[in-house]
Amino acid sequence: MRQRVIIFMLGTEPRKAQYYLADAPVDHRPVEATLAPVALVKLQKQLGIADYPDKAIVLVTAKAREREQEVRDAFVIDNVRIPVEFIDIPLGSNRTELRQIIERLLAGIPDNCELVIDVTHGLRASPFVFSLAVQYLSLVNPSVAVKEMYYGMSSQTEHPGPIVNLSPFLDMLEWVYVMRVFRDTLLPTRLMQKIRSSADGAQDDEPSRRLLSRLELFSVATEAALPVEMARTAAALRDELKRGLPERLKGSIPLGERLFRALEDVASEFIPASGDVPEELDDAELERQAKVIDKLLQHGRVVQALGLMYEWCTLKVLRHNSNNLKDWRDKSEQEAAKKRLAMGQWSNEGLREKVEKIGYLRNNLHHYAQRDARDVRLDRLYKDAEELWNSVKNGRDKDWVIRFDDSPKPPKRLTRTLGDELRRAQRSQRR
C-alpha cells in the first residue's frame, strides 16, 4: 500500500492564520494554524477527504531549521503524531543552488508513495521547484503519484483565507507532456491513457470511445508505415476532432479545445490536399508520401522510414514507366516496377546504386539483424538513411525512366543438326 506523504518548504517568519478549503464538497468551519500544510491536513480529515498522512517532508534552509521543534509539535494533531523528516537546502540564490534543491528534493521522496505538495511557504521559487520536480518524477520514478498540490492564501484581515487546489495546473502540465510525446514520436500510448483516465467511463461513452479508436488506428498505421492507411486514418481522426471534444473530456481538460487543436494539426500533416488518396498515381501523391518519410525520419523512426523509402522508389519507377497508373496499388503492377528497378538499364548509375543501397539497408533492418549485416553501421544508420533519401527524392524525373526489355526471348539455336548426331553415334559404335 502506498504511503501518503505531504511535502513543503518552510519559511522563516511564522504567522497564525485561519484557512478554509476552497471548492470543498460541503460547508465547513475554518481552522487556525501557523503552517498551511497543517491546516490542510486538518481540513481534509475534518471533511473526510483524506486520512492523516503517513509522513511529512519539510525542506529547510539553515535559518528555517531553527523552527524544527515547532514544526514537529504542529504535526501532533488530535493526539496523533505524524512523523516529520527534514531536508536541508541552500537559499536558491543561483542556478547551482536551485539545481541542488531539486536534486535533494527528488532524493528525499520515498518510492511507492502518494505525494501531496503545498507551495504556500518557503522560497519564492518554491512553486517552480516543485513543478519541475513533478515533471522529473513522472519520468525517473513512476512509482510516485503526485496526487495534489495546494497553495494557502492567508488573509491580512480576520477573515479566513482559502487553500486552493492547484491540481488543474499539474493536470495541464501532464496534458502538455503527453501531447508533446505524441507529436514528437507519434506514439499514442501515454495520450490514450490520459484520455481514458480523464474521461471517466470512456469505454461507455460513444464519442470518447470513437476518439480513442481513431487515434489508435492512426498510430497503428504509422507504426506499420502504411502511407495510404496513414492518410485515411489521419483524415478520420481529424474529422472526429472537428466534432469537438467529448463532453466527458471538456470539463476535465484545461483549455481542452485549444490543446486538441494541436493533435488535429498533427493528423492533418498526413492527409492529401484532395482529402483522399488518388485513384491514379500522380506526382502529388508521391510528394505526400515523401513528406511522410521526412516526418518519420524527423521522429527518429528510421526503420519504418527505410522500408517506406524503397516502396516509394518502386512507385517512382511505376509512375514514370507504367501505362496503367490507375492500378498503382495492384500487386502485379508493383512487381513489374520492382523487376524494372532491379534489372533495367538506368541512365543514372549513381541513382541506381543509391536505390540499391536503400533496399539493402531495408532488408537487413527488417530481418532484425538475423542475417550477416556487416555493412550496416549503427553509428551511421540515421545519417546514411537521411543522406540516401535526400539524394533519391531530389533525383530528376528523367532519371527514373528505365529501359527494360521483357519480351519473350527466341529459343536458343541448335549448333548441331540431326545428321551430325547420327554420324557421332555411328562412330561411337565402331569403337
Protein backbone atom coordinates (compact mmCIF):
# COMPACT_ATOMS: atom_id res chain seq x y z
CA MET A 1 0.00 0.00 0.00
CA ARG A 2 1.32 3.43 -0.92
CA GLN A 3 2.28 5.92 1.78
CA ARG A 4 0.57 9.30 1.75
CA VAL A 5 3.30 11.95 2.10
CA ILE A 6 2.88 15.72 2.38
CA ILE A 7 5.87 17.84 1.38
CA PHE A 8 6.53 21.57 1.62
CA MET A 9 9.18 24.25 2.17
CA LEU A 10 9.38 26.02 5.50
CA GLY A 11 9.52 29.81 5.79
CA THR A 12 11.32 31.82 8.45
CA GLU A 13 8.51 34.14 9.58
CA PRO A 14 5.64 32.19 11.14
CA ARG A 15 2.24 33.83 11.35
CA LYS A 16 -1.01 32.33 12.51
CA ALA A 17 -3.87 32.45 10.05
CA GLN A 18 -7.28 30.91 9.51
CA TYR A 19 -7.83 28.76 6.44
CA TYR A 20 -10.71 27.05 4.69
CA LEU A 21 -10.58 24.59 1.81
CA ALA A 22 -11.68 26.14 -1.48
CA ASP A 23 -14.09 24.06 -3.59
CA ALA A 24 -14.80 21.77 -0.63
CA PRO A 25 -17.76 19.40 -1.13
CA VAL A 26 -19.62 20.82 1.90
CA ASP A 27 -19.58 23.93 4.07
CA HIS A 28 -17.15 23.67 6.94
CA ARG A 29 -15.57 25.64 9.74
CA PRO A 30 -12.12 27.18 9.12
CA VAL A 31 -9.09 26.05 11.10
CA GLU A 32 -6.26 28.12 12.55
CA ALA A 33 -2.63 27.19 12.03
CA THR A 34 0.82 28.70 11.65
CA LEU A 35 1.57 26.31 8.80
CA ALA A 36 -0.80 26.00 5.84
CA PRO A 37 0.11 22.28 5.37
CA VAL A 38 -1.07 21.59 8.93
CA ALA A 39 -4.33 23.42 8.21
CA LEU A 40 -4.70 21.37 5.02
CA VAL A 41 -4.23 18.09 6.90
CA LYS A 42 -6.83 19.13 9.50
CA LEU A 43 -9.36 20.25 6.88
CA GLN A 44 -9.03 17.11 4.77
CA LYS A 45 -9.51 14.96 7.87
CA GLN A 46 -12.46 17.09 9.04
CA LEU A 47 -14.18 16.83 5.65
CA GLY A 48 -13.47 13.11 5.23
CA ILE A 49 -11.39 13.75 2.09
CA ALA A 50 -8.24 12.03 3.34
CA ASP A 51 -6.84 10.47 6.46
CA TYR A 52 -3.73 11.84 8.16
CA PRO A 53 -0.58 11.47 6.04
CA ASP A 54 1.94 8.79 6.92
CA LYS A 55 4.75 11.31 6.87
CA ALA A 56 5.61 14.98 6.33
CA ILE A 57 8.78 16.02 4.49
CA VAL A 58 9.99 19.57 5.08
CA LEU A 59 12.63 21.39 3.01
CA VAL A 60 14.51 23.84 5.24
CA THR A 61 17.25 26.44 4.86
CA ALA A 62 19.73 26.92 7.70
CA LYS A 63 17.56 29.71 9.14
CA ALA A 64 14.31 27.76 8.81
CA ARG A 65 15.94 24.74 10.50
CA GLU A 66 15.73 26.70 13.78
CA ARG A 67 11.97 26.04 13.73
CA GLU A 68 12.38 22.27 13.70
CA GLN A 69 10.75 21.59 17.07
CA GLU A 70 7.90 23.98 16.33
CA VAL A 71 7.14 22.03 13.14
CA ARG A 72 7.29 18.66 14.92
CA ASP A 73 4.86 19.94 17.56
CA ALA A 74 2.50 21.34 14.90
CA PHE A 75 2.21 17.89 13.31
CA VAL A 76 0.80 16.40 16.51
CA ILE A 77 -2.89 16.64 15.56
CA ASP A 78 -5.66 15.26 17.80
CA ASN A 79 -3.01 13.33 19.74
CA VAL A 80 -1.75 11.74 16.52
CA ARG A 81 1.94 12.33 15.93
CA ILE A 82 2.75 12.49 12.21
CA PRO A 83 6.45 11.70 11.57
CA VAL A 84 8.41 14.63 10.14
CA GLU A 85 11.62 14.42 8.08
CA PHE A 86 13.76 17.45 7.23
CA ILE A 87 15.83 18.03 4.09
CA ASP A 88 18.45 20.77 4.28
CA ILE A 89 18.59 23.02 1.22
CA PRO A 90 20.52 26.17 0.18
CA LEU A 91 18.84 29.54 -0.40
CA GLY A 92 18.42 29.05 -4.12
CA SER A 93 20.18 32.29 -4.96
CA ASN A 94 21.74 30.99 -8.20
CA ARG A 95 21.35 28.20 -10.75
CA THR A 96 23.68 25.84 -8.92
CA GLU A 97 21.75 26.18 -5.66
CA LEU A 98 18.38 25.75 -7.43
CA ARG A 99 19.66 22.55 -9.00
CA GLN A 100 20.84 21.34 -5.58
CA ILE A 101 17.38 22.00 -4.13
CA ILE A 102 15.72 19.92 -6.87
CA GLU A 103 18.26 17.10 -6.53
CA ARG A 104 17.85 16.91 -2.74
CA LEU A 105 14.08 17.10 -3.05
CA LEU A 106 13.96 14.22 -5.53
CA ALA A 107 16.41 12.14 -3.49
CA GLY A 108 14.30 12.58 -0.35
CA ILE A 109 10.99 11.36 -1.78
CA PRO A 110 10.34 7.70 -0.94
CA ASP A 111 9.27 5.15 -3.54
CA ASN A 112 5.67 3.99 -3.81
CA CYS A 113 4.01 7.00 -2.29
CA GLU A 114 1.16 9.40 -2.98
CA LEU A 115 2.59 12.88 -2.81
CA VAL A 116 0.69 15.96 -1.63
CA ILE A 117 2.57 19.20 -2.29
CA ASP A 118 2.00 22.50 -0.50
CA VAL A 119 3.69 25.58 -2.01
CA THR A 120 2.47 28.19 0.48
CA HIS A 121 5.67 28.76 2.45
CA GLY A 122 9.40 28.95 1.78
CA LEU A 123 11.35 30.41 -1.11
CA ARG A 124 9.58 32.41 -3.79
CA ALA A 125 10.85 29.88 -6.30
CA SER A 126 9.03 27.12 -4.43
CA PRO A 127 6.16 26.65 -6.96
CA PHE A 128 8.62 26.42 -9.86
CA VAL A 129 10.89 23.99 -8.00
CA PHE A 130 8.01 21.69 -7.16
CA SER A 131 6.51 21.91 -10.65
CA LEU A 132 9.83 20.90 -12.19
CA ALA A 133 10.17 18.11 -9.64
CA VAL A 134 6.77 16.78 -10.67
CA GLN A 135 7.95 16.55 -14.31
CA TYR A 136 11.12 14.74 -13.26
CA LEU A 137 9.22 12.32 -11.03
CA SER A 138 6.88 11.32 -13.85
CA LEU A 139 9.97 10.15 -15.75
CA VAL A 140 12.51 8.93 -13.20
CA ASN A 141 10.20 7.46 -10.55
CA PRO A 142 6.76 6.47 -11.83
CA SER A 143 6.05 4.68 -8.53
CA VAL A 144 5.45 8.14 -7.03
CA ALA A 145 1.99 9.54 -7.76
CA VAL A 146 1.67 13.31 -7.37
CA LYS A 147 -1.95 13.48 -6.28
CA GLU A 148 -2.47 17.10 -5.25
CA MET A 149 -0.77 20.48 -4.98
CA TYR A 150 -2.09 23.32 -2.79
CA TYR A 151 -1.47 26.97 -2.05
CA GLY A 152 -2.76 28.66 1.10
CA MET A 153 -3.82 32.29 0.62
CA SER A 154 -3.59 33.67 4.13
CA SER A 155 -5.77 36.73 4.69
CA GLN A 156 -4.43 40.03 6.03
CA THR A 157 -7.73 40.50 7.91
CA GLU A 158 -9.60 38.42 10.47
CA HIS A 159 -11.38 36.64 7.61
CA PRO A 160 -10.08 33.18 6.75
CA GLY A 161 -8.17 32.62 3.51
CA PRO A 162 -8.69 29.77 1.05
CA ILE A 163 -6.40 26.83 0.47
CA VAL A 164 -6.58 26.45 -3.29
CA ASN A 165 -6.14 23.16 -5.10
CA LEU A 166 -3.59 23.64 -7.90
CA SER A 167 -4.18 20.17 -9.37
CA PRO A 168 -5.58 21.66 -12.63
CA PHE A 169 -2.13 23.21 -13.11
CA LEU A 170 -0.47 19.80 -12.65
CA ASP A 171 -3.04 18.27 -14.97
CA MET A 172 -2.26 20.83 -17.64
CA LEU A 173 1.46 20.05 -17.35
CA GLU A 174 0.69 16.37 -17.88
CA TRP A 175 -1.58 17.07 -20.86
CA VAL A 176 1.15 19.18 -22.46
CA TYR A 177 3.64 16.38 -21.81
CA VAL A 178 1.53 13.58 -23.34
CA MET A 179 0.61 15.76 -26.32
CA ARG A 180 4.27 16.57 -26.89
CA VAL A 181 5.19 12.87 -26.70
CA PHE A 182 2.59 12.08 -29.35
CA ARG A 183 3.59 14.99 -31.56
CA ASP A 184 7.30 14.16 -31.38
CA THR A 185 7.10 10.35 -31.57
CA LEU A 186 3.62 9.57 -32.99
CA LEU A 187 3.28 7.01 -30.18
CA PRO A 188 -0.18 7.36 -28.60
CA THR A 189 0.12 5.15 -25.51
CA ARG A 190 0.51 7.93 -22.94
CA LEU A 191 -2.07 10.13 -24.62
CA MET A 192 -4.66 7.34 -24.74
CA GLN A 193 -4.02 6.50 -21.08
CA LYS A 194 -4.56 10.15 -20.20
CA ILE A 195 -7.78 10.37 -22.20
CA ARG A 196 -9.11 7.24 -20.52
CA SER A 197 -8.22 8.46 -17.03
CA SER A 198 -9.70 11.91 -17.67
CA ALA A 199 -12.95 10.68 -19.23
CA ASP A 200 -14.47 8.52 -16.50
CA GLY A 201 -16.23 5.62 -18.16
CA ALA A 202 -14.75 6.46 -21.56
CA GLN A 203 -15.50 2.94 -22.81
CA ASP A 204 -19.20 3.53 -22.11
CA ASP A 205 -19.23 6.94 -23.81
CA GLU A 206 -19.61 6.70 -27.59
CA PRO A 207 -17.79 9.99 -28.50
CA SER A 208 -14.84 9.16 -26.21
CA ARG A 209 -14.66 5.59 -27.49
CA ARG A 210 -14.76 6.81 -31.09
CA LEU A 211 -11.94 9.29 -30.48
CA LEU A 212 -9.76 6.63 -28.85
CA SER A 213 -10.44 4.24 -31.74
CA ARG A 214 -9.50 6.82 -34.38
CA LEU A 215 -6.32 7.71 -32.50
CA GLU A 216 -5.28 4.09 -32.12
CA LEU A 217 -5.89 3.23 -35.79
CA PHE A 218 -3.85 6.23 -36.94
CA SER A 219 -0.99 5.21 -34.68
CA VAL A 220 -1.07 1.57 -35.85
CA ALA A 221 -0.94 2.73 -39.48
CA THR A 222 2.00 4.98 -38.63
CA GLU A 223 3.85 2.25 -36.74
CA ALA A 224 3.38 -0.08 -39.71
CA ALA A 225 4.45 2.71 -42.12
CA LEU A 226 1.41 2.25 -44.37
CA PRO A 227 1.14 5.60 -46.18
CA VAL A 228 -2.32 5.07 -47.68
CA GLU A 229 -3.79 3.87 -44.39
CA MET A 230 -1.99 6.71 -42.60
CA ALA A 231 -3.78 9.20 -44.85
CA ARG A 232 -7.20 7.65 -44.32
CA THR A 233 -6.89 7.10 -40.56
CA ALA A 234 -5.48 10.63 -40.16
CA ALA A 235 -8.48 12.01 -42.06
CA ALA A 236 -10.85 10.02 -39.83
CA LEU A 237 -9.05 11.32 -36.71
CA ARG A 238 -9.13 14.91 -37.96
CA ASP A 239 -12.85 14.67 -38.79
CA GLU A 240 -13.52 13.26 -35.33
CA LEU A 241 -11.63 16.11 -33.68
CA LYS A 242 -13.59 18.64 -35.75
CA ARG A 243 -16.74 17.41 -33.99
CA GLY A 244 -15.36 18.94 -30.81
CA LEU A 245 -14.21 17.31 -27.60
CA PRO A 246 -16.47 14.71 -26.00
CA GLU A 247 -18.48 16.23 -23.15
CA ARG A 248 -16.75 13.98 -20.61
CA LEU A 249 -13.39 15.49 -21.57
CA LYS A 250 -14.41 19.14 -21.79
CA GLY A 251 -14.72 19.65 -18.07
CA SER A 252 -11.54 17.79 -17.17
CA ILE A 253 -9.02 19.25 -19.63
CA PRO A 254 -7.87 22.86 -19.14
CA LEU A 255 -8.14 24.69 -22.48
CA GLY A 256 -9.01 21.33 -23.99
CA GLU A 257 -10.27 22.61 -27.35
CA ARG A 258 -7.04 24.53 -27.94
CA LEU A 259 -4.88 21.65 -26.74
CA PHE A 260 -6.56 19.14 -29.04
CA ARG A 261 -6.23 21.51 -31.97
CA ALA A 262 -2.51 20.65 -31.83
CA LEU A 263 -3.48 16.99 -32.23
CA GLU A 264 -5.63 17.91 -35.22
CA ASP A 265 -2.63 19.70 -36.75
CA VAL A 266 -0.50 16.55 -36.39
CA ALA A 267 -3.12 14.43 -38.17
CA SER A 268 -3.57 17.00 -40.96
CA GLU A 269 0.09 16.70 -41.97
CA PHE A 270 -0.57 13.19 -43.32
CA ILE A 271 -3.73 13.92 -45.32
CA PRO A 272 -3.61 14.59 -49.10
CA ALA A 273 -4.67 18.05 -50.23
CA SER A 274 -7.60 16.47 -52.08
CA GLY A 275 -8.77 14.79 -48.90
CA ASP A 276 -8.16 11.21 -50.05
CA VAL A 277 -5.54 9.09 -51.78
CA PRO A 278 -5.91 9.41 -55.60
CA GLU A 279 -7.15 6.54 -57.74
CA GLU A 280 -4.40 7.25 -60.27
CA LEU A 281 -0.82 7.64 -59.11
CA ASP A 282 0.38 11.20 -59.63
CA ASP A 283 3.22 13.48 -58.57
CA ALA A 284 1.16 14.94 -55.72
CA GLU A 285 0.77 11.51 -54.09
CA LEU A 286 4.49 10.81 -54.43
CA GLU A 287 5.24 14.17 -52.87
CA ARG A 288 2.83 13.43 -49.98
CA GLN A 289 4.47 10.08 -49.33
CA ALA A 290 7.90 11.73 -49.47
CA LYS A 291 6.74 14.11 -46.72
CA VAL A 292 5.59 11.11 -44.69
CA ILE A 293 9.12 9.67 -44.96
CA ASP A 294 10.55 13.06 -43.97
CA LYS A 295 8.28 13.03 -40.93
CA LEU A 296 9.30 9.51 -39.93
CA LEU A 297 12.97 10.47 -40.15
CA GLN A 298 12.28 13.63 -38.18
CA HIS A 299 10.76 11.48 -35.43
CA GLY A 300 13.73 9.10 -35.47
CA ARG A 301 11.66 6.23 -36.94
CA VAL A 302 14.47 5.15 -39.27
CA VAL A 303 13.36 1.51 -39.68
CA GLN A 304 9.89 2.49 -40.87
CA ALA A 305 11.37 5.29 -43.00
CA LEU A 306 13.77 2.95 -44.84
CA GLY A 307 11.02 0.44 -45.50
CA LEU A 308 8.82 3.13 -46.99
CA MET A 309 11.73 4.66 -48.95
CA TYR A 310 12.18 1.51 -51.01
CA GLU A 311 8.47 1.28 -51.72
CA TRP A 312 8.49 4.96 -52.71
CA CYS A 313 11.29 4.21 -55.20
CA THR A 314 9.16 1.42 -56.63
CA LEU A 315 6.23 3.84 -57.06
CA LYS A 316 8.56 6.40 -58.64
CA VAL A 317 9.62 3.81 -61.24
CA LEU A 318 6.00 2.84 -61.78
CA ARG A 319 4.98 6.49 -62.18
CA HIS A 320 7.48 7.14 -64.98
CA ASN A 321 7.35 3.78 -66.79
CA SER A 322 3.86 2.33 -66.49
CA ASN A 323 0.91 2.96 -68.80
CA ASN A 324 -1.52 1.72 -66.18
CA LEU A 325 -1.26 4.22 -63.30
CA LYS A 326 -4.82 3.54 -62.13
CA ASP A 327 -3.67 0.13 -60.92
CA TRP A 328 -0.70 1.50 -58.97
CA ARG A 329 -1.71 -0.41 -55.85
CA ASP A 330 -2.09 -3.68 -57.76
CA LYS A 331 0.50 -6.31 -56.87
CA SER A 332 1.32 -7.20 -60.50
CA GLU A 333 1.98 -3.55 -61.39
CA GLN A 334 4.27 -3.10 -58.41
CA GLU A 335 6.09 -6.37 -59.12
CA ALA A 336 6.70 -5.24 -62.70
CA ALA A 337 8.09 -1.93 -61.41
CA LYS A 338 10.40 -3.76 -58.97
CA LYS A 339 11.64 -6.01 -61.76
CA ARG A 340 12.40 -2.97 -63.92
CA LEU A 341 14.09 -1.30 -60.95
CA ALA A 342 16.32 -4.32 -60.31
CA MET A 343 17.10 -5.46 -63.88
CA GLY A 344 16.54 -2.46 -66.13
CA GLN A 345 19.07 -0.14 -67.74
CA TRP A 346 19.35 3.08 -65.72
CA SER A 347 20.58 6.25 -67.37
CA ASN A 348 21.85 7.45 -63.97
CA GLU A 349 24.06 4.75 -62.47
CA GLY A 350 24.59 6.76 -59.28
CA LEU A 351 20.84 6.89 -58.61
CA ARG A 352 20.55 3.14 -59.19
CA GLU A 353 23.30 2.47 -56.64
CA LYS A 354 21.59 4.63 -54.01
CA VAL A 355 18.24 2.87 -54.52
CA GLU A 356 20.04 -0.47 -54.27
CA LYS A 357 21.68 0.65 -51.01
CA ILE A 358 18.29 1.65 -49.59
CA GLY A 359 16.98 -1.82 -50.44
CA TYR A 360 20.00 -3.44 -48.80
CA LEU A 361 19.57 -1.44 -45.60
CA ARG A 362 15.83 -2.08 -45.58
CA ASN A 363 16.28 -5.84 -45.96
CA ASN A 364 18.83 -6.08 -43.17
CA LEU A 365 16.83 -3.97 -40.75
CA HIS A 366 13.54 -5.69 -41.44
CA HIS A 367 15.19 -9.04 -40.79
CA TYR A 368 16.27 -7.55 -37.43
CA ALA A 369 19.96 -8.34 -37.99
CA GLN A 370 19.45 -12.10 -38.04
CA ARG A 371 21.48 -12.12 -41.23
CA ASP A 372 25.11 -11.09 -41.52
CA ALA A 373 24.87 -7.30 -41.77
CA ARG A 374 28.45 -6.11 -41.54
CA ASP A 375 27.81 -3.16 -43.82
CA VAL A 376 25.06 -1.79 -41.57
CA ARG A 377 26.78 0.63 -39.22
CA LEU A 378 24.54 1.55 -36.32
CA ASP A 379 26.62 4.61 -35.54
CA ARG A 380 25.84 5.96 -39.03
CA LEU A 381 22.45 4.42 -39.67
CA TYR A 382 20.37 7.57 -39.30
CA LYS A 383 22.86 9.74 -41.20
CA ASP A 384 23.21 7.18 -44.02
CA ALA A 385 19.44 6.86 -44.35
CA GLU A 386 18.98 10.62 -44.42
CA GLU A 387 21.73 11.18 -47.00
CA LEU A 388 20.45 8.40 -49.26
CA TRP A 389 16.91 9.69 -49.01
CA ASN A 390 17.82 13.28 -49.81
CA SER A 391 19.72 12.14 -52.90
CA VAL A 392 16.97 9.85 -54.13
CA LYS A 393 13.95 12.09 -53.58
CA ASN A 394 15.68 15.00 -55.33
CA GLY A 395 16.56 12.93 -58.41
CA ARG A 396 15.44 14.19 -61.81
CA ASP A 397 12.25 12.68 -63.24
CA LYS A 398 14.01 11.63 -66.45
CA ASP A 399 16.46 9.54 -64.42
CA TRP A 400 13.56 7.33 -63.33
CA VAL A 401 12.78 6.32 -66.93
CA ILE A 402 14.38 2.87 -67.09
CA ARG A 403 14.85 0.82 -70.26
CA PHE A 404 13.79 -2.76 -69.82
CA ASP A 405 13.17 -5.41 -72.44
CA ASP A 406 10.82 -8.02 -71.04
CA SER A 407 9.73 -9.50 -74.41
CA PRO A 408 9.98 -13.32 -74.73
CA LYS A 409 13.42 -14.49 -75.83
CA PRO A 410 13.66 -16.68 -79.01
CA PRO A 411 14.61 -20.33 -78.43
CA LYS A 412 18.31 -21.00 -78.48
CA ARG A 413 19.53 -22.04 -81.99
CA LEU A 414 20.98 -25.54 -82.17
CA THR A 415 24.59 -25.65 -83.37
CA ARG A 416 24.36 -29.36 -84.46
CA THR A 417 21.94 -30.96 -86.94
CA LEU A 418 20.22 -34.32 -86.61
CA GLY A 419 22.60 -35.77 -89.20
CA ASP A 420 25.58 -34.64 -87.13
CA GLU A 421 24.20 -36.52 -84.13
CA LEU A 422 23.61 -39.74 -86.17
CA ARG A 423 27.16 -39.76 -87.53
CA ARG A 424 28.51 -39.17 -83.99
CA ALA A 425 26.53 -42.19 -82.77
CA GLN A 426 27.85 -44.44 -85.59
CA ARG A 427 31.45 -43.52 -84.78
CA SER A 428 30.88 -44.45 -81.19
CA GLN A 429 29.58 -47.93 -82.18
CA ARG A 430 32.68 -48.71 -84.34
CA ARG A 431 34.89 -48.11 -81.35
